[in-house]
Structures are given as structure tokens and as C-alpha cells.
Amino acid sequence: MYLGVRKNAAPTWLYTAIIFLGIAIIIAHGLKLLKNRYSLVSWFHVLIVAPLVIYIGRTGPKTPDIAYNLILLEGIMAIGYHSYALYTGT
């Protein structure tokens, strides 16, 4: 969410760091898919979240606003989902 709010004002080192974060997401959720290939959460992370994070990291401060808006939306959805899961105990 930090990137979605700060947009082009984020520190430059952060763009390099999120490239590695995107790669780590692919590895972690890829390994989960080896155990359960029907995991929608893992597919969502491998196909949507990780590529967007890597794209923002590669393009740096020149990233279009739509990518920042999408990463912000993903962050808000994650907070909503995890808050609901915490509330219901699932």
C-alpha cells in the first residue's frame, strides 16, 4: 500500500527491493501450487500480484499511475480479506 500512496515519491532503493519481493512471491506460491494446484490464492499471487510488483520494480519512478492504483487496490483488498478472516476465525 505504501507504493500505491507514495507513487513516484517512493525511495529509489524500494524499487529494487520489490523486484526481489516479486520473485519471492512467485517462488513461495509456486511451491504451494506444487502441493495444491487448485489454490486460487496461490494462482492469484503468481499470475496477478507478483507480475505487477515486478513491473513496478522494473519501471521504477516512471511507472504509470494505473499500476500504482492497482497495487493500492490489492493492498486494500488484502486488508479487507484478512480482517474478515480474523473476524470469522477462518
Protein backbone atom coordinates (compact mmCIF):
# COMPACT_ATOMS: atom_id res chain seq x y z
CA MET A 1 0.00 0.00 0.00
CA TYR A 2 2.94 2.30 0.64
CA LEU A 3 3.82 2.39 -3.05
CA GLY A 4 0.20 2.97 -4.02
CA VAL A 5 0.01 6.02 -1.79
CA ARG A 6 3.50 7.47 -2.35
CA LYS A 7 3.65 6.67 -6.08
CA ASN A 8 6.68 8.36 -7.68
CA ALA A 9 7.85 9.82 -4.34
CA ALA A 10 8.97 6.41 -3.02
CA PRO A 11 12.71 5.99 -2.40
CA THR A 12 14.63 4.51 -5.32
CA TRP A 13 16.03 1.57 -3.30
CA LEU A 14 12.46 0.37 -2.77
CA TYR A 15 12.03 -0.39 -6.47
CA THR A 16 14.99 -2.79 -6.40
CA ALA A 17 13.70 -4.41 -3.23
CA ILE A 18 10.25 -5.11 -4.66
CA ILE A 19 11.74 -6.88 -7.67
CA PHE A 20 13.15 -9.41 -5.20
CA LEU A 21 9.82 -9.44 -3.37
CA GLY A 22 8.03 -10.32 -6.61
CA ILE A 23 10.46 -13.15 -7.28
CA ALA A 24 9.98 -14.42 -3.71
CA ILE A 25 6.19 -14.35 -4.18
CA ILE A 26 6.50 -16.47 -7.33
CA ILE A 27 8.78 -18.97 -5.61
CA ALA A 28 6.70 -19.23 -2.42
CA HIS A 29 3.34 -19.56 -4.13
CA GLY A 30 4.79 -21.71 -6.89
CA LEU A 31 5.91 -24.20 -4.26
CA LYS A 32 2.44 -24.10 -2.72
CA LEU A 33 0.98 -24.86 -6.15
CA LEU A 34 3.13 -27.99 -6.34
CA LYS A 35 1.23 -29.28 -3.30
CA ASN A 36 -2.22 -27.98 -4.25
CA ARG A 37 -2.65 -26.88 -7.84
CA TYR A 38 -6.24 -25.76 -7.19
CA SER A 39 -5.29 -22.99 -4.73
CA LEU A 40 -6.91 -19.84 -6.09
CA VAL A 41 -4.93 -17.67 -3.68
CA SER A 42 -1.62 -19.01 -4.97
CA TRP A 43 -2.69 -18.66 -8.61
CA PHE A 44 -3.77 -15.06 -7.91
CA HIS A 45 -0.36 -14.28 -6.40
CA VAL A 46 1.60 -15.96 -9.21
CA LEU A 47 -0.45 -14.53 -12.09
CA ILE A 48 -1.53 -11.09 -10.80
CA VAL A 49 0.33 -9.88 -7.71
CA ALA A 50 3.91 -10.92 -8.49
CA PRO A 51 3.98 -9.67 -12.10
CA LEU A 52 2.54 -6.31 -11.04
CA VAL A 53 5.10 -5.97 -8.23
CA ILE A 54 7.96 -6.89 -10.57
CA TYR A 55 6.66 -4.50 -13.24
CA ILE A 56 6.59 -1.60 -10.79
CA GLY A 57 10.07 -2.51 -9.58
CA ARG A 58 11.47 -2.66 -13.11
CA THR A 59 9.92 0.58 -14.36
CA GLY A 60 10.74 2.48 -11.16
CA PRO A 61 9.51 6.06 -10.76
CA LYS A 62 8.34 6.09 -14.40
CA THR A 63 5.58 3.58 -13.60
CA PRO A 64 2.15 4.64 -14.91
CA ASP A 65 -0.38 5.73 -12.29
CA ILE A 66 -2.69 2.81 -13.11
CA ALA A 67 -0.11 0.34 -11.77
CA TYR A 68 0.16 2.26 -8.51
CA ASN A 69 -3.63 2.34 -8.26
CA LEU A 70 -3.81 -1.42 -8.83
CA ILE A 71 -1.21 -2.15 -6.15
CA LEU A 72 -3.12 0.12 -3.76
CA LEU A 73 -6.36 -1.72 -4.58
CA GLU A 74 -4.66 -5.06 -3.95
CA GLY A 75 -3.46 -3.79 -0.57
CA ILE A 76 -6.94 -2.63 0.41
CA MET A 77 -8.43 -5.95 -0.70
CA ALA A 78 -5.81 -7.84 1.33
CA ILE A 79 -6.62 -5.85 4.45
CA GLY A 80 -10.33 -6.47 3.92
CA TYR A 81 -9.87 -10.20 3.31
CA HIS A 82 -7.58 -10.75 6.28
CA SER A 83 -9.76 -8.64 8.57
CA TYR A 84 -12.78 -10.73 7.60
CA ALA A 85 -10.83 -13.97 8.12
CA LEU A 86 -9.67 -12.76 11.53
CA TYR A 87 -13.23 -11.74 12.48
CA THR A 88 -14.76 -15.06 11.41
CA GLY A 89 -11.86 -17.16 12.70
CA THR A 90 -11.17 -18.87 9.36
